[in-house]
C-alpha atoms as a PDB file:
ATOM      1  CA  MET A   1      83.056 -19.959 -30.307  1.00  0.00           C
ATOM      2  CA  ARG A   2      84.819 -17.018 -32.528  1.00  0.00           C
ATOM      3  CA  PHE A   3      81.671 -16.929 -35.042  1.00  0.00           C
ATOM      4  CA  LEU A   4      79.326 -16.016 -32.697  1.00  0.00           C
ATOM      5  CA  GLY A   5      81.518 -13.317 -31.638  1.00  0.00           C
ATOM      6  CA  LEU A   6      82.041 -11.989 -34.750  1.00  0.00           C
ATOM      7  CA  LEU A   7      78.178 -11.933 -35.001  1.00  0.00           C
ATOM      8  CA  VAL A   8      77.637 -10.218 -31.834  1.00  0.00           C
ATOM      9  CA  ILE A   9      80.566  -7.543 -33.037  1.00  0.00           C
ATOM     10  CA  PHE A  10      78.077  -7.389 -36.577  1.00  0.00           C
ATOM     11  CA  LEU A  11      75.094  -6.934 -34.624  1.00  0.00           C
ATOM     12  CA  LEU A  12      76.740  -4.490 -32.462  1.00  0.00           C
ATOM     13  CA  ALA A  13      78.464  -2.619 -35.123  1.00  0.00           C
ATOM     14  CA  LEU A  14      74.538  -2.125 -36.845  1.00  0.00           C
ATOM     15  CA  VAL A  15      72.673  -0.961 -33.730  1.00  0.00           C
ATOM     16  CA  GLY A  16      75.425   1.566 -33.358  1.00  0.00           C
ATOM     17  CA  GLY A  17      75.558   3.230 -36.502  1.00  0.00           C
ATOM     18  CA  PRO A  18      74.862   6.402 -36.779  1.00  0.00           C
ATOM     19  CA  VAL A  19      71.205   7.860 -36.669  1.00  0.00           C
ATOM     20  CA  SER A  20      71.479   9.585 -40.326  1.00  0.00           C
ATOM     21  CA  ALA A  21      72.304   6.514 -41.565  1.00  0.00           C
ATOM     22  CA  GLN A  22      70.171   5.343 -44.414  1.00  0.00           C
ATOM     23  CA  VAL A  23      67.829   2.153 -43.309  1.00  0.00           C
ATOM     24  CA  VAL A  24      68.231  -0.951 -45.068  1.00  0.00           C
ATOM     25  CA  ASP A  25      65.232  -2.632 -46.022  1.00  0.00           C
ATOM     26  CA  PRO A  26      65.092  -6.587 -45.312  1.00  0.00           C
ATOM     27  CA  VAL A  27      62.933  -7.046 -48.085  1.00  0.00           C
ATOM     28  CA  ALA A  28      65.483  -8.010 -51.177  1.00  0.00           C
ATOM     29  CA  GLY A  29      65.302  -5.584 -54.310  1.00  0.00           C
ATOM     30  CA  ARG A  30      63.721  -2.706 -52.592  1.00  0.00           C
ATOM     31  CA  PRO A  31      65.555   0.723 -52.181  1.00  0.00           C
ATOM     32  CA  PRO A  32      67.078   1.269 -48.820  1.00  0.00           C
ATOM     33  CA  ILE A  33      64.727   3.362 -46.653  1.00  0.00           C
ATOM     34  CA  PRO A  34      65.622   7.508 -46.101  1.00  0.00           C
ATOM     35  CA  SER A  35      66.132   8.369 -42.715  1.00  0.00           C
ATOM     36  CA  VAL A  36      64.051   9.777 -41.038  1.00  0.00           C
ATOM     37  CA  THR A  37      66.063  12.368 -39.655  1.00  0.00           C
ATOM     38  CA  ASP A  38      67.082  13.662 -43.331  1.00  0.00           C
ATOM     39  CA  PRO A  39      66.319  16.972 -43.908  1.00  0.00           C
ATOM     40  CA  GLU A  40      65.729  16.353 -48.264  1.00  0.00           C
ATOM     41  CA  ASN A  41      62.890  14.034 -46.865  1.00  0.00           C
ATOM     42  CA  LEU A  42      60.943  15.925 -44.442  1.00  0.00           C
ATOM     43  CA  TRP A  43      58.176  17.544 -46.106  1.00  0.00           C
ATOM     44  CA  TYR A  44      56.678  20.895 -43.692  1.00  0.00           C
ATOM     45  CA  LEU A  45      53.058  21.856 -44.150  1.00  0.00           C
ATOM     46  CA  ASP A  46      52.555  25.583 -42.177  1.00  0.00           C
ATOM     47  CA  LEU A  47      48.756  24.591 -41.187  1.00  0.00           C
ATOM     48  CA  SER A  48      46.401  27.689 -40.690  1.00  0.00           C
ATOM     49  CA  THR A  49      44.883  25.110 -37.773  1.00  0.00           C
ATOM     50  CA  GLY A  50      47.504  26.382 -35.541  1.00  0.00           C
ATOM     51  CA  GLY A  51      51.013  24.544 -36.481  1.00  0.00           C
ATOM     52  CA  ARG A  52      53.765  22.750 -38.306  1.00  0.00           C
ATOM     53  CA  VAL A  53      53.051  19.305 -40.086  1.00  0.00           C
ATOM     54  CA  VAL A  54      56.367  17.032 -40.455  1.00  0.00           C
ATOM     55  CA  ILE A  55      55.819  14.570 -43.243  1.00  0.00           C
ATOM     56  CA  TRP A  56      58.188  12.090 -43.408  1.00  0.00           C
ATOM     57  CA  LEU A  57      58.572  11.218 -47.687  1.00  0.00           C
ATOM     58  CA  ARG A  58      59.669   8.062 -49.000  1.00  0.00           C
ATOM     59  CA  PRO A  59      61.518   7.908 -51.882  1.00  0.00           C
ATOM     60  CA  ASP A  60      62.396   4.541 -51.859  1.00  0.00           C
ATOM     61  CA  ALA A  61      58.494   3.927 -52.330  1.00  0.00           C
ATOM     62  CA  ALA A  62      57.114   6.420 -54.356  1.00  0.00           C
ATOM     63  CA  PRO A  63      60.171   8.232 -56.163  1.00  0.00           C
ATOM     64  CA  LYS A  64      58.549  10.425 -58.811  1.00  0.00           C
ATOM     65  CA  MET A  65      55.589  11.578 -56.676  1.00  0.00           C
ATOM     66  CA  VAL A  66      58.172  12.785 -53.788  1.00  0.00           C
ATOM     67  CA  GLU A  67      59.782  14.276 -56.253  1.00  0.00           C
ATOM     68  CA  ARG A  68      56.993  16.316 -57.701  1.00  0.00           C
ATOM     69  CA  VAL A  69      55.900  17.486 -54.355  1.00  0.00           C
ATOM     70  CA  LYS A  70      59.450  18.897 -53.859  1.00  0.00           C
ATOM     71  CA  ILE A  71      59.670  20.560 -57.198  1.00  0.00           C
ATOM     72  CA  LEU A  72      56.431  22.634 -56.375  1.00  0.00           C
ATOM     73  CA  THR A  73      56.696  22.689 -52.703  1.00  0.00           C
ATOM     74  CA  ARG A  74      60.096  24.649 -54.080  1.00  0.00           C
ATOM     75  CA  GLN A  75      58.053  26.327 -56.465  1.00  0.00           C
ATOM     76  CA  HIS A  76      55.668  27.515 -53.633  1.00  0.00           C
ATOM     77  CA  PHE A  77      53.006  26.256 -54.760  1.00  0.00           C
ATOM     78  CA  TYR A  78      51.117  24.944 -52.203  1.00  0.00           C
ATOM     79  CA  ASP A  79      51.325  28.025 -50.212  1.00  0.00           C
ATOM     80  CA  GLY A  80      47.977  29.525 -49.794  1.00  0.00           C
ATOM     81  CA  LEU A  81      45.965  26.362 -50.940  1.00  0.00           C
ATOM     82  CA  PRO A  82      42.903  25.045 -49.089  1.00  0.00           C
ATOM     83  CA  PHE A  83      42.193  21.329 -47.751  1.00  0.00           C
ATOM     84  CA  HIS A  84      38.828  21.111 -50.464  1.00  0.00           C
ATOM     85  CA  ARG A  85      37.433  17.687 -49.085  1.00  0.00           C
ATOM     86  CA  VAL A  86      37.402  16.965 -45.832  1.00  0.00           C
ATOM     87  CA  ILE A  87      35.731  13.621 -44.276  1.00  0.00           C
ATOM     88  CA  GLU A  88      35.360  12.583 -40.444  1.00  0.00           C
ATOM     89  CA  GLY A  89      36.763   9.846 -40.094  1.00  0.00           C
ATOM     90  CA  PHE A  90      38.495   9.204 -43.371  1.00  0.00           C
ATOM     91  CA  MET A  91      40.883  11.513 -44.457  1.00  0.00           C
ATOM     92  CA  ALA A  92      41.912  15.193 -45.488  1.00  0.00           C
ATOM     93  CA  GLN A  93      42.103  16.597 -49.394  1.00  0.00           C
ATOM     94  CA  GLY A  94      44.429  19.206 -50.498  1.00  0.00           C
ATOM     95  CA  GLY A  95      46.862  20.523 -53.141  1.00  0.00           C
ATOM     96  CA  ASP A  96      44.094  21.739 -55.800  1.00  0.00           C
ATOM     97  CA  PRO A  97      44.994  25.499 -56.621  1.00  0.00           C
ATOM     98  CA  LYS A  98      41.385  25.440 -58.294  1.00  0.00           C
ATOM     99  CA  GLY A  99      40.022  24.309 -54.791  1.00  0.00           C
ATOM    100  CA  ASP A 100      36.889  21.760 -55.963  1.00  0.00           C
ATOM    101  CA  GLY A 101      38.789  19.313 -56.802  1.00  0.00           C
ATOM    102  CA  THR A 102      39.290  19.355 -60.715  1.00  0.00           C
ATOM    103  CA  GLY A 103      42.978  20.742 -61.023  1.00  0.00           C
ATOM    104  CA  GLY A 104      46.497  20.351 -60.580  1.00  0.00           C
ATOM    105  CA  SER A 105      50.425  21.557 -61.771  1.00  0.00           C
ATOM    106  CA  THR A 106      51.169  22.817 -65.060  1.00  0.00           C
ATOM    107  CA  LEU A 107      53.576  19.253 -64.722  1.00  0.00           C
ATOM    108  CA  PRO A 108      52.407  16.199 -66.535  1.00  0.00           C
ATOM    109  CA  ASP A 109      50.417  13.699 -64.474  1.00  0.00           C
ATOM    110  CA  LEU A 110      52.370  11.208 -62.960  1.00  0.00           C
ATOM    111  CA  PRO A 111      52.407   6.998 -63.699  1.00  0.00           C
ATOM    112  CA  ALA A 112      50.592   4.878 -60.236  1.00  0.00           C
ATOM    113  CA  GLU A 113      52.935   4.233 -57.572  1.00  0.00           C
ATOM    114  CA  PHE A 114      51.538   1.628 -56.067  1.00  0.00           C
ATOM    115  CA  ASN A 115      53.364   0.459 -53.261  1.00  0.00           C
ATOM    116  CA  TRP A 116      53.505  -1.689 -49.840  1.00  0.00           C
ATOM    117  CA  LEU A 117      52.763   0.829 -47.665  1.00  0.00           C
ATOM    118  CA  PRO A 118      49.933   1.210 -46.494  1.00  0.00           C
ATOM    119  CA  HIS A 119      47.179   3.865 -45.793  1.00  0.00           C
ATOM    120  CA  VAL A 120      47.054   4.017 -41.999  1.00  0.00           C
ATOM    121  CA  ARG A 121      46.363   6.974 -39.829  1.00  0.00           C
ATOM    122  CA  GLY A 122      49.139  10.195 -40.973  1.00  0.00           C
ATOM    123  CA  ALA A 123      49.918   8.576 -44.078  1.00  0.00           C
ATOM    124  CA  VAL A 124      50.091  11.078 -47.507  1.00  0.00           C
ATOM    125  CA  SER A 125      48.749   9.600 -50.538  1.00  0.00           C
ATOM    126  CA  ALA A 126      48.736  10.767 -54.017  1.00  0.00           C
ATOM    127  CA  ALA A 127      44.970  11.797 -55.290  1.00  0.00           C
ATOM    128  CA  ARG A 128      44.044  10.549 -58.582  1.00  0.00           C
ATOM    129  CA  ALA A 129      41.015  10.979 -60.994  1.00  0.00           C
ATOM    130  CA  GLU A 130      39.277   7.853 -62.152  1.00  0.00           C
ATOM    131  CA  LYS A 131      42.672   6.625 -63.982  1.00  0.00           C
ATOM    132  CA  GLU A 132      45.372   5.372 -62.201  1.00  0.00           C
ATOM    133  CA  ASP A 133      47.986   7.403 -63.938  1.00  0.00           C
ATOM    134  CA  SER A 134      46.311  10.752 -63.012  1.00  0.00           C
ATOM    135  CA  ALA A 135      48.157  12.289 -59.655  1.00  0.00           C
ATOM    136  CA  ASN A 136      49.455  15.136 -59.989  1.00  0.00           C
ATOM    137  CA  SER A 137      49.876  17.613 -57.345  1.00  0.00           C
ATOM    138  CA  GLN A 138      46.698  16.217 -55.008  1.00  0.00           C
ATOM    139  CA  PHE A 139      47.104  15.121 -52.157  1.00  0.00           C
ATOM    140  CA  PHE A 140      45.394  13.357 -49.165  1.00  0.00           C
ATOM    141  CA  ILE A 141      45.884  12.446 -45.477  1.00  0.00           C
ATOM    142  CA  VAL A 142      44.470   9.655 -43.863  1.00  0.00           C
ATOM    143  CA  PHE A 143      42.516  10.351 -40.132  1.00  0.00           C
ATOM    144  CA  ASP A 144      42.065   6.743 -39.431  1.00  0.00           C
ATOM    145  CA  PRO A 145      43.202   3.630 -41.036  1.00  0.00           C
ATOM    146  CA  LYS A 146      41.232   2.793 -44.661  1.00  0.00           C
ATOM    147  CA  LEU A 147      43.738  -0.293 -46.003  1.00  0.00           C
ATOM    148  CA  SER A 148      40.964  -1.024 -48.804  1.00  0.00           C
ATOM    149  CA  LEU A 149      42.941   1.955 -50.404  1.00  0.00           C
ATOM    150  CA  ASP A 150      46.309  -0.197 -50.493  1.00  0.00           C
ATOM    151  CA  LYS A 151      47.979  -0.482 -53.613  1.00  0.00           C
ATOM    152  CA  LYS A 152      44.988   1.482 -55.163  1.00  0.00           C
ATOM    153  CA  TYR A 153      46.213   4.842 -54.557  1.00  0.00           C
ATOM    154  CA  THR A 154      50.296   5.938 -54.222  1.00  0.00           C
ATOM    155  CA  VAL A 155      51.223   6.649 -50.567  1.00  0.00           C
ATOM    156  CA  PHE A 156      54.260   8.599 -50.389  1.00  0.00           C
ATOM    157  CA  GLY A 157      55.133  10.220 -46.848  1.00  0.00           C
ATOM    158  CA  ARG A 158      53.720   9.616 -43.330  1.00  0.00           C
ATOM    159  CA  VAL A 159      53.108  12.550 -41.086  1.00  0.00           C
ATOM    160  CA  ILE A 160      55.601  12.005 -37.711  1.00  0.00           C
ATOM    161  CA  ASP A 161      55.051  15.262 -35.639  1.00  0.00           C
ATOM    162  CA  GLY A 162      52.072  17.744 -35.792  1.00  0.00           C
ATOM    163  CA  MET A 163      48.835  15.226 -36.673  1.00  0.00           C
ATOM    164  CA  GLN A 164      46.806  17.449 -34.033  1.00  0.00           C
ATOM    165  CA  TYR A 165      46.882  20.378 -36.712  1.00  0.00           C
ATOM    166  CA  VAL A 166      45.755  17.212 -39.248  1.00  0.00           C
ATOM    167  CA  ASP A 167      42.561  16.602 -37.265  1.00  0.00           C
ATOM    168  CA  ALA A 168      42.086  19.785 -36.478  1.00  0.00           C
ATOM    169  CA  ILE A 169      41.369  20.932 -40.536  1.00  0.00           C
ATOM    170  CA  THR A 170      37.455  21.957 -40.907  1.00  0.00           C
ATOM    171  CA  ARG A 171      35.281  19.354 -42.363  1.00  0.00           C
ATOM    172  CA  GLY A 172      33.343  19.643 -45.646  1.00  0.00           C
ATOM    173  CA  GLU A 173      33.226  18.546 -49.486  1.00  0.00           C
ATOM    174  CA  PRO A 174      33.920  21.393 -49.671  1.00  0.00           C
ATOM    175  CA  PRO A 175      34.318  23.192 -46.118  1.00  0.00           C
ATOM    176  CA  ALA A 176      31.961  26.386 -45.724  1.00  0.00           C
ATOM    177  CA  ASN A 177      35.533  28.019 -44.438  1.00  0.00           C
ATOM    178  CA  PRO A 178      38.224  26.115 -45.148  1.00  0.00           C
ATOM    179  CA  SER A 179      41.519  25.451 -43.513  1.00  0.00           C
ATOM    180  CA  ARG A 180      44.585  26.004 -45.751  1.00  0.00           C
ATOM    181  CA  ILE A 181      48.597  25.560 -46.335  1.00  0.00           C
ATOM    182  CA  LEU A 182      49.770  28.806 -45.135  1.00  0.00           C
ATOM    183  CA  HIS A 183      53.220  27.785 -46.407  1.00  0.00           C
ATOM    184  CA  ALA A 184      55.028  24.159 -47.324  1.00  0.00           C
ATOM    185  CA  TYR A 185      58.655  23.851 -47.142  1.00  0.00           C
ATOM    186  CA  ILE A 186      61.250  20.976 -47.760  1.00  0.00           C
ATOM    187  CA  ALA A 187      63.461  20.905 -44.210  1.00  0.00           C
ATOM    188  CA  ALA A 188      66.481  20.741 -46.348  1.00  0.00           C
ATOM    189  CA  ASP A 189      66.308  24.642 -47.264  1.00  0.00           C
ATOM    190  CA  HIS A 190      66.100  25.476 -43.919  1.00  0.00           C
ATOM    191  CA  PRO A 191      63.058  27.027 -43.596  1.00  0.00           C
ATOM    192  CA  PRO A 192      61.926  29.640 -40.798  1.00  0.00           C
ATOM    193  CA  ALA A 193      59.810  28.844 -37.963  1.00  0.00           C
ATOM    194  CA  TYR A 194      56.109  28.603 -37.836  1.00  0.00           C
ATOM    195  CA  VAL A 195      54.134  31.789 -37.905  1.00  0.00           C
ATOM    196  CA  ALA A 196      50.554  31.966 -37.075  1.00  0.00           C
ATOM    197  CA  PRO A 197      48.870  33.614 -39.529  1.00  0.00           C
ATOM    198  CA  ALA A 198      47.001  37.351 -38.517  1.00  0.00           C
ATOM    199  CA  PRO A 199      43.112  37.090 -37.671  1.00  0.00           C
ATOM    200  CA  SER A 200      41.387  37.930 -40.450  1.00  0.00           C
ATOM    201  CA  ALA A 201      38.418  40.483 -39.601  1.00  0.00           C
ATOM    202  CA  PRO A 202      34.532  39.165 -39.309  1.00  0.00           C
ATOM    203  CA  ALA A 203      33.098  38.858 -42.772  1.00  0.00           C
ATOM    204  CA  THR A 204      29.800  40.810 -43.790  1.00  0.00           C
ATOM    205  CA  LEU A 205      26.947  38.740 -44.186  1.00  0.00           C
ATOM    206  CA  ALA A 206      25.493  39.215 -47.518  1.00  0.00           C
ATOM    207  CA  PRO A 207      21.759  38.662 -48.033  1.00  0.00           C
ATOM    208  CA  SER A 208      21.705  34.705 -49.475  1.00  0.00           C
ATOM    209  CA  LEU A 209      20.567  34.228 -53.146  1.00  0.00           C
ATOM    210  CA  PRO A 210      19.498  30.875 -54.895  1.00  0.00           C
ATOM    211  CA  ASN A 211      22.356  28.498 -55.933  1.00  0.00           C
ATOM    212  CA  THR A 212      21.896  28.818 -59.603  1.00  0.00           C
ATOM    213  CA  SER A 213      25.428  27.988 -60.600  1.00  0.00           C
ATOM    214  CA  PRO A 214      25.974  24.373 -62.203  1.00  0.00           C
ATOM    215  CA  ILE A 215      27.296  21.540 -60.063  1.00  0.00           C
ATOM    216  CA  LYS A 216      30.889  21.015 -60.944  1.00  0.00           C
ATOM    217  CA  SER A 217      32.316  17.235 -61.688  1.00  0.00           C
ATOM    218  CA  LYS A 218      34.997  16.277 -59.878  1.00  0.00           C
ATOM    219  CA  THR A 219      37.953  14.270 -61.374  1.00  0.00           C
ATOM    220  CA  MET A 220      40.905  14.447 -59.196  1.00  0.00           C
ATOM    221  CA  SER A 221      40.087  13.084 -55.441  1.00  0.00           C
ATOM    222  CA  ALA A 222      41.321  11.107 -52.535  1.00  0.00           C
ATOM    223  CA  PRO A 223      39.769   7.635 -52.277  1.00  0.00           C
ATOM    224  CA  SER A 224      36.168   8.100 -50.657  1.00  0.00           C
ATOM    225  CA  ALA A 225      34.165   6.535 -48.532  1.00  0.00           C
ATOM    226  CA  VAL A 226      31.973   7.767 -51.366  1.00  0.00           C
ATOM    227  CA  LYS A 227      33.552   8.022 -55.135  1.00  0.00           C
ATOM    228  CA  PRO A 228      36.872   9.933 -56.300  1.00  0.00           C
ATOM    229  CA  LYS A 229      37.130  13.702 -58.199  1.00  0.00           C
ATOM    230  CA  ALA A 230      41.036  14.203 -57.946  1.00  0.00           C
ATOM    231  CA  LYS A 231      40.380  11.706 -54.786  1.00  0.00           C
ATOM    232  CA  ALA A 232      40.577   9.068 -52.639  1.00  0.00           C
ATOM    233  CA  GLN A 233      37.213   6.846 -52.251  1.00  0.00           C
END
């Protein structure tokens, strides 16, 4: 009886612990799961689609990619970048300064961190080229589950608020008028509230000309239901 009483007290202590405490991963050998309220692991993406997306970063599963996102965010690298590849029922890909799937940051590519996190709705994963160790700055957000990508791309976060603004991202490869990341922040840096973009002036239509530009090969992609650039396949 005394043993049962001590066990009950222990369980109550676990349940009644502070919300900010780290969650203990039950699988031996894994780092503790960061709290979903830890501001150092909350990534804010203010989108042109109307609001702020909150992404819970998972340094326990992909420490190098999470560190890269934090560095680039604090350098304002993501501010203004488009979602250049958006496939209905699959994913929205962004994080490329060239806007065509072939770009990245000036930092070196990262080794693959394929892990146990699934590509479910709202999962945030690193886009890469064909080479597994080629993730850099690009990422994709999953619209609908794509579990065939598990352990082939590095999941490093999950949307926990604002998924409606992800759903509103303009589709296309590339979209004619792409949705953009207005600003990216780490919550611990005390960012300002979301500010909607000013309405743009109507564009003047220029006469259409035949397309004589060469087709660019895309190297970075989120996995696609098609094939990767820096991408998702």
